[in-house]
Amino acid sequence: GGEEIILEGPGILGRWHIAPKGLPQSFVSEREDNRALFPRGVDVVLVAGSRVMALPRTTVLSRKSEMEAN
């Protein structure tokens, strides 16, 4: 229900598209800053009811609009 985010990286076959609600507009850029700290940094777990998605710091996030620009 939110803005579409594209996930890529280790453990992800191809690309995954998600559209979570409630994330701040700066979420994707903050995650990119977090990835730059590797191996330090923070992993994120998104929870919605009984659904759980883990985003390790190695996951690359981008917005659909950014992908279309490239």
N, C-alpha and C. Protein backbone atom coordinates (compact mmCIF):
# COMPACT_ATOMS: atom_id res chain seq x y z
N GLY A 1 0.79 -1.20 0.00
CA GLY A 1 0.00 0.00 0.00
C GLY A 1 0.83 1.27 0.00
N GLY A 2 2.17 1.17 0.19
CA GLY A 2 3.02 2.35 0.20
C GLY A 2 3.74 2.50 -1.13
N GLU A 3 4.76 3.35 -1.15
CA GLU A 3 5.55 3.54 -2.36
C GLU A 3 6.39 2.30 -2.62
N GLU A 4 6.50 1.90 -3.89
CA GLU A 4 7.21 0.67 -4.24
C GLU A 4 8.71 0.82 -4.04
N ILE A 5 9.29 -0.21 -3.40
CA ILE A 5 10.73 -0.29 -3.17
C ILE A 5 11.23 -1.59 -3.80
N ILE A 6 12.36 -1.52 -4.45
CA ILE A 6 12.94 -2.69 -5.11
C ILE A 6 14.12 -3.18 -4.28
N LEU A 7 14.14 -4.50 -4.04
CA LEU A 7 15.19 -5.13 -3.23
C LEU A 7 16.07 -5.99 -4.12
N GLU A 8 17.38 -5.89 -3.92
CA GLU A 8 18.35 -6.72 -4.63
C GLU A 8 19.49 -7.06 -3.68
N GLY A 9 20.24 -8.08 -4.00
CA GLY A 9 21.42 -8.39 -3.22
C GLY A 9 21.53 -9.85 -2.88
N PRO A 10 22.51 -10.19 -2.01
CA PRO A 10 22.75 -11.58 -1.64
C PRO A 10 21.48 -12.24 -1.08
N GLY A 11 21.19 -13.43 -1.57
CA GLY A 11 20.03 -14.17 -1.08
C GLY A 11 18.73 -13.84 -1.78
N ILE A 12 18.74 -12.86 -2.69
CA ILE A 12 17.54 -12.47 -3.41
C ILE A 12 17.73 -12.85 -4.88
N LEU A 13 16.88 -13.71 -5.37
CA LEU A 13 16.95 -14.13 -6.77
C LEU A 13 16.32 -13.03 -7.63
N GLY A 14 17.13 -12.35 -8.42
CA GLY A 14 16.62 -11.26 -9.25
C GLY A 14 16.30 -10.04 -8.40
N ARG A 15 15.08 -9.55 -8.52
CA ARG A 15 14.61 -8.37 -7.77
C ARG A 15 13.28 -8.69 -7.12
N TRP A 16 13.07 -8.17 -5.93
CA TRP A 16 11.78 -8.26 -5.26
C TRP A 16 11.22 -6.85 -5.18
N HIS A 17 9.92 -6.75 -5.33
CA HIS A 17 9.24 -5.47 -5.22
C HIS A 17 8.32 -5.53 -4.00
N ILE A 18 8.45 -4.53 -3.13
CA ILE A 18 7.58 -4.44 -1.97
C ILE A 18 7.00 -3.03 -1.92
N ALA A 19 5.90 -2.85 -1.21
CA ALA A 19 5.30 -1.53 -1.08
C ALA A 19 4.75 -1.37 0.34
N PRO A 20 5.66 -1.34 1.33
CA PRO A 20 5.23 -1.25 2.72
C PRO A 20 4.69 0.14 3.07
N LYS A 21 3.70 0.17 3.93
CA LYS A 21 3.16 1.44 4.42
C LYS A 21 3.90 1.85 5.69
N GLY A 22 3.94 3.14 5.94
CA GLY A 22 4.44 3.64 7.20
C GLY A 22 5.93 3.90 7.29
N LEU A 23 6.66 3.70 6.22
CA LEU A 23 8.10 3.98 6.26
C LEU A 23 8.33 5.47 5.99
N PRO A 24 9.34 6.05 6.63
CA PRO A 24 9.63 7.46 6.33
C PRO A 24 10.12 7.62 4.90
N GLN A 25 9.92 8.77 4.32
CA GLN A 25 10.36 9.06 2.95
C GLN A 25 11.86 8.84 2.80
N SER A 26 12.61 9.04 3.87
CA SER A 26 14.07 8.93 3.84
C SER A 26 14.57 7.49 4.04
N PHE A 27 13.68 6.51 4.14
CA PHE A 27 14.06 5.13 4.46
C PHE A 27 15.11 4.58 3.49
N VAL A 28 14.89 4.72 2.20
CA VAL A 28 15.81 4.14 1.21
C VAL A 28 17.19 4.80 1.30
N SER A 29 17.25 6.10 1.41
CA SER A 29 18.56 6.78 1.50
C SER A 29 19.26 6.46 2.83
N GLU A 30 18.50 6.33 3.91
CA GLU A 30 19.10 5.96 5.20
C GLU A 30 19.66 4.54 5.14
N ARG A 31 18.97 3.63 4.47
CA ARG A 31 19.46 2.26 4.32
C ARG A 31 20.74 2.24 3.49
N GLU A 32 20.83 3.08 2.47
CA GLU A 32 22.04 3.15 1.65
C GLU A 32 23.22 3.65 2.49
N ASP A 33 22.97 4.65 3.33
CA ASP A 33 24.02 5.13 4.24
C ASP A 33 24.45 4.00 5.19
N ASN A 34 23.48 3.22 5.65
CA ASN A 34 23.75 2.10 6.55
C ASN A 34 24.62 1.04 5.86
N ARG A 35 24.31 0.74 4.59
CA ARG A 35 25.09 -0.25 3.83
C ARG A 35 26.55 0.17 3.70
N ALA A 36 26.78 1.46 3.62
CA ALA A 36 28.15 1.97 3.47
C ALA A 36 29.00 1.69 4.70
N LEU A 37 28.38 1.39 5.83
CA LEU A 37 29.11 1.11 7.07
C LEU A 37 29.55 -0.35 7.17
N PHE A 38 29.15 -1.20 6.21
CA PHE A 38 29.40 -2.63 6.30
C PHE A 38 30.87 -2.90 6.60
N PRO A 39 31.23 -3.78 7.50
CA PRO A 39 30.39 -4.79 8.15
C PRO A 39 29.63 -4.28 9.36
N ARG A 40 29.85 -3.02 9.74
CA ARG A 40 29.03 -2.45 10.81
C ARG A 40 27.68 -2.09 10.23
N GLY A 41 26.75 -1.71 11.05
CA GLY A 41 25.45 -1.28 10.57
C GLY A 41 24.31 -2.01 11.26
N VAL A 42 23.13 -1.78 10.75
CA VAL A 42 21.92 -2.30 11.39
C VAL A 42 21.11 -3.09 10.37
N ASP A 43 20.68 -4.29 10.77
CA ASP A 43 19.73 -5.05 9.97
C ASP A 43 18.34 -4.58 10.37
N VAL A 44 17.39 -4.65 9.46
CA VAL A 44 16.02 -4.19 9.71
C VAL A 44 15.05 -5.35 9.56
N VAL A 45 14.07 -5.40 10.45
CA VAL A 45 13.00 -6.38 10.35
C VAL A 45 11.69 -5.62 10.23
N LEU A 46 10.95 -5.85 9.13
CA LEU A 46 9.65 -5.23 8.94
C LEU A 46 8.58 -6.25 9.35
N VAL A 47 7.60 -5.82 10.11
CA VAL A 47 6.54 -6.70 10.60
C VAL A 47 5.19 -6.08 10.30
N ALA A 48 4.28 -6.91 9.76
CA ALA A 48 2.90 -6.49 9.51
C ALA A 48 2.00 -7.66 9.86
N GLY A 49 1.35 -7.60 11.02
CA GLY A 49 0.53 -8.71 11.46
C GLY A 49 1.41 -9.93 11.68
N SER A 50 1.09 -11.03 10.98
CA SER A 50 1.88 -12.25 11.11
C SER A 50 2.96 -12.36 10.03
N ARG A 51 3.14 -11.33 9.23
CA ARG A 51 4.14 -11.35 8.16
C ARG A 51 5.40 -10.64 8.62
N VAL A 52 6.55 -11.25 8.31
CA VAL A 52 7.85 -10.71 8.72
C VAL A 52 8.80 -10.72 7.53
N MET A 53 9.57 -9.65 7.38
CA MET A 53 10.58 -9.58 6.33
C MET A 53 11.85 -8.99 6.94
N ALA A 54 12.94 -9.73 6.83
CA ALA A 54 14.23 -9.26 7.32
C ALA A 54 15.01 -8.62 6.18
N LEU A 55 15.59 -7.48 6.45
CA LEU A 55 16.43 -6.79 5.46
C LEU A 55 17.84 -6.67 6.03
N PRO A 56 18.72 -7.62 5.71
CA PRO A 56 20.10 -7.50 6.18
C PRO A 56 20.74 -6.25 5.58
N ARG A 57 21.79 -5.78 6.21
CA ARG A 57 22.43 -4.54 5.73
C ARG A 57 23.05 -4.70 4.36
N THR A 58 23.18 -5.92 3.86
CA THR A 58 23.73 -6.15 2.51
C THR A 58 22.67 -5.98 1.42
N THR A 59 21.40 -5.86 1.79
CA THR A 59 20.33 -5.71 0.80
C THR A 59 20.39 -4.31 0.19
N VAL A 60 20.31 -4.24 -1.12
CA VAL A 60 20.30 -2.96 -1.85
C VAL A 60 18.85 -2.57 -2.10
N LEU A 61 18.47 -1.39 -1.65
CA LEU A 61 17.12 -0.88 -1.85
C LEU A 61 17.14 0.27 -2.83
N SER A 62 16.13 0.34 -3.68
CA SER A 62 15.97 1.49 -4.57
C SER A 62 14.48 1.72 -4.78
N ARG A 63 14.15 2.91 -5.15
CA ARG A 63 12.76 3.24 -5.44
C ARG A 63 12.49 2.95 -6.91
N LYS A 64 11.26 2.59 -7.23
CA LYS A 64 10.91 2.29 -8.60
C LYS A 64 11.26 3.47 -9.52
N SER A 65 10.99 4.69 -9.06
CA SER A 65 11.27 5.87 -9.87
C SER A 65 12.76 6.00 -10.18
N GLU A 66 13.64 5.56 -9.24
CA GLU A 66 15.08 5.60 -9.48
C GLU A 66 15.48 4.59 -10.56
N MET A 67 14.84 3.42 -10.54
CA MET A 67 15.14 2.39 -11.53
C MET A 67 14.73 2.83 -12.93
N GLU A 68 13.60 3.53 -13.03
CA GLU A 68 13.11 3.99 -14.33
C GLU A 68 14.01 5.07 -14.89
N ALA A 69 14.65 5.85 -14.01
CA ALA A 69 15.55 6.93 -14.46
C ALA A 69 16.84 6.36 -15.05
N ASN A 70 17.24 5.15 -14.60
CA ASN A 70 18.49 4.53 -15.07
C ASN A 70 18.23 3.81 -16.31
